[in-house]
Amino acid sequence: MLSEKVDVIYASQVIYALDDLEVINLLTLLSNNLKHNGKLIISHSSVKNEENGMMLPKISLRTRLCYKITNIANRLLVSSNKKSKSQGWGYIRDNERVEFLAKSAGFKETIFICAAGQSFLVCITN
């Protein structure tokens, strides 16, 4: 906990390395350190190119399936590894999933801004 609450926190490319529960726990902790109507800005890369402000060819069904299998395999491997909960390839999420996690952490309002090859989610506290 910070010694005093702040107006804005910026988290850049952090949530990709965390599973959903860890993201909710982190966002809850950050929310508790924000003032009333404080803002958490999260930058991440969405699995959907258009959500990153990029108009690249759509990801193939095969690639999306590989991402899903990777996430499932990661969860199985991490949960069976008692020494470390770390993993190296990251979780693949779209903006809808990130928004769901932010609202699960208690943020009342979310706003997406897509640019520069990334998605930016602005989360506003109660």
Protein backbone atom coordinates (compact mmCIF):
# COMPACT_ATOMS: atom_id res chain seq x y z
CA MET A 1 0.00 0.00 0.00
CA LEU A 2 1.24 3.47 -0.86
CA SER A 3 1.56 5.99 1.97
CA GLU A 4 -0.97 8.18 0.22
CA LYS A 5 -3.41 7.52 -2.62
CA VAL A 6 -2.65 8.78 -6.10
CA ASP A 7 -4.69 10.09 -9.04
CA VAL A 8 -3.15 7.96 -11.81
CA ILE A 9 -1.28 4.66 -12.11
CA TYR A 10 0.16 3.49 -15.45
CA ALA A 11 0.87 -0.22 -16.02
CA SER A 12 2.59 -1.04 -19.28
CA GLN A 13 2.66 -4.60 -20.65
CA VAL A 14 2.25 -6.19 -17.19
CA ILE A 15 -0.91 -8.27 -17.36
CA TYR A 16 0.24 -10.53 -20.21
CA ALA A 17 2.44 -12.44 -17.77
CA LEU A 18 -0.33 -13.04 -15.22
CA ASP A 19 -3.23 -15.48 -15.21
CA ASP A 20 -6.76 -14.12 -14.79
CA LEU A 21 -6.87 -14.43 -10.99
CA GLU A 22 -3.48 -12.76 -10.63
CA VAL A 23 -4.66 -9.91 -12.90
CA ILE A 24 -7.77 -9.39 -10.77
CA ASN A 25 -5.68 -9.40 -7.58
CA LEU A 26 -3.18 -6.91 -9.03
CA LEU A 27 -5.90 -4.59 -10.36
CA THR A 28 -7.69 -4.71 -6.99
CA LEU A 29 -4.45 -3.77 -5.22
CA LEU A 30 -3.85 -0.90 -7.64
CA SER A 31 -7.46 0.26 -7.29
CA ASN A 32 -7.02 0.44 -3.51
CA ASN A 33 -4.13 2.86 -4.06
CA LEU A 34 -6.13 5.27 -6.22
CA LYS A 35 -8.11 8.29 -5.06
CA HIS A 36 -11.86 8.57 -5.70
CA ASN A 37 -12.30 8.76 -9.49
CA GLY A 38 -8.62 7.82 -9.85
CA LYS A 39 -7.47 6.29 -13.10
CA LEU A 40 -5.49 3.16 -13.87
CA ILE A 41 -4.11 3.11 -17.40
CA ILE A 42 -3.20 -0.35 -18.68
CA SER A 43 -1.39 -0.83 -21.97
CA HIS A 44 -1.45 -4.32 -23.46
CA SER A 45 -1.50 -6.04 -26.82
CA SER A 46 -4.83 -7.49 -27.85
CA VAL A 47 -5.07 -10.71 -29.81
CA LYS A 48 -7.25 -8.73 -32.25
CA ASN A 49 -5.12 -6.46 -34.45
CA GLU A 50 -7.88 -3.89 -34.92
CA GLU A 51 -8.00 -3.43 -31.12
CA ASN A 52 -4.37 -2.35 -31.26
CA GLY A 53 -5.03 0.39 -33.78
CA MET A 54 -3.55 -1.76 -36.53
CA MET A 55 -5.30 -2.87 -39.68
CA LEU A 56 -3.26 -6.00 -40.34
CA PRO A 57 -4.66 -9.22 -41.76
CA LYS A 58 -6.83 -11.08 -39.29
CA ILE A 59 -5.22 -13.84 -37.25
CA SER A 60 -6.07 -17.21 -38.70
CA LEU A 61 -8.25 -19.70 -36.89
CA ARG A 62 -5.20 -21.98 -36.63
CA THR A 63 -3.16 -19.24 -34.90
CA ARG A 64 -6.01 -18.44 -32.49
CA LEU A 65 -6.32 -22.15 -31.69
CA CYS A 66 -2.58 -22.30 -31.00
CA TYR A 67 -2.92 -19.35 -28.59
CA LYS A 68 -5.77 -21.09 -26.77
CA ILE A 69 -3.85 -24.37 -26.52
CA THR A 70 -0.81 -22.44 -25.24
CA ASN A 71 -2.89 -20.78 -22.51
CA ILE A 72 -4.46 -24.09 -21.45
CA ALA A 73 -1.10 -25.89 -21.46
CA ASN A 74 0.42 -23.05 -19.44
CA ARG A 75 -2.29 -23.30 -16.80
CA LEU A 76 -1.77 -27.06 -16.53
CA LEU A 77 2.02 -26.77 -16.33
CA VAL A 78 2.02 -23.85 -13.90
CA SER A 79 -0.48 -25.46 -11.54
CA SER A 80 1.58 -28.66 -11.46
CA ASN A 81 4.86 -26.83 -10.85
CA LYS A 82 5.09 -26.23 -7.09
CA LYS A 83 8.47 -24.46 -7.23
CA SER A 84 7.50 -21.57 -9.47
CA LYS A 85 4.35 -20.02 -10.86
CA SER A 86 6.24 -18.13 -13.54
CA GLN A 87 5.85 -18.66 -17.24
CA GLY A 88 7.47 -17.07 -20.21
CA TRP A 89 5.16 -16.73 -23.17
CA GLY A 90 2.29 -14.68 -21.81
CA TYR A 91 -1.48 -14.92 -21.88
CA ILE A 92 -3.31 -13.86 -25.02
CA ARG A 93 -6.41 -11.73 -24.36
CA ASP A 94 -8.67 -9.43 -26.31
CA ASN A 95 -10.04 -6.14 -24.98
CA GLU A 96 -13.34 -7.71 -23.93
CA ARG A 97 -11.49 -10.10 -21.60
CA VAL A 98 -9.28 -7.33 -20.16
CA GLU A 99 -12.38 -5.20 -19.52
CA PHE A 100 -14.05 -8.15 -17.76
CA LEU A 101 -11.00 -8.57 -15.50
CA ALA A 102 -10.93 -4.84 -14.67
CA LYS A 103 -14.62 -4.83 -13.77
CA SER A 104 -14.10 -8.02 -11.71
CA ALA A 105 -11.48 -6.05 -9.77
CA GLY A 106 -14.09 -3.40 -8.93
CA PHE A 107 -13.52 -0.66 -11.49
CA LYS A 108 -16.81 1.07 -12.29
CA GLU A 109 -15.98 2.42 -15.73
CA THR A 110 -13.57 1.48 -18.49
CA ILE A 111 -12.58 3.27 -21.69
CA PHE A 112 -10.48 1.79 -24.51
CA ILE A 113 -8.07 3.77 -26.66
CA CYS A 114 -6.38 1.87 -29.47
CA ALA A 115 -3.21 3.27 -31.04
CA ALA A 116 0.49 2.73 -31.68
CA GLY A 117 0.10 -1.03 -31.96
CA GLN A 118 -1.38 -1.37 -28.48
CA SER A 119 -4.63 -1.17 -26.58
CA PHE A 120 -4.90 1.25 -23.70
CA LEU A 121 -7.59 0.65 -21.10
CA VAL A 122 -8.43 3.51 -18.77
CA CYS A 123 -10.10 2.16 -15.60
CA ILE A 124 -11.86 4.61 -13.31
CA THR A 125 -12.41 3.90 -9.59
CA ASN A 126 -15.55 4.53 -7.56
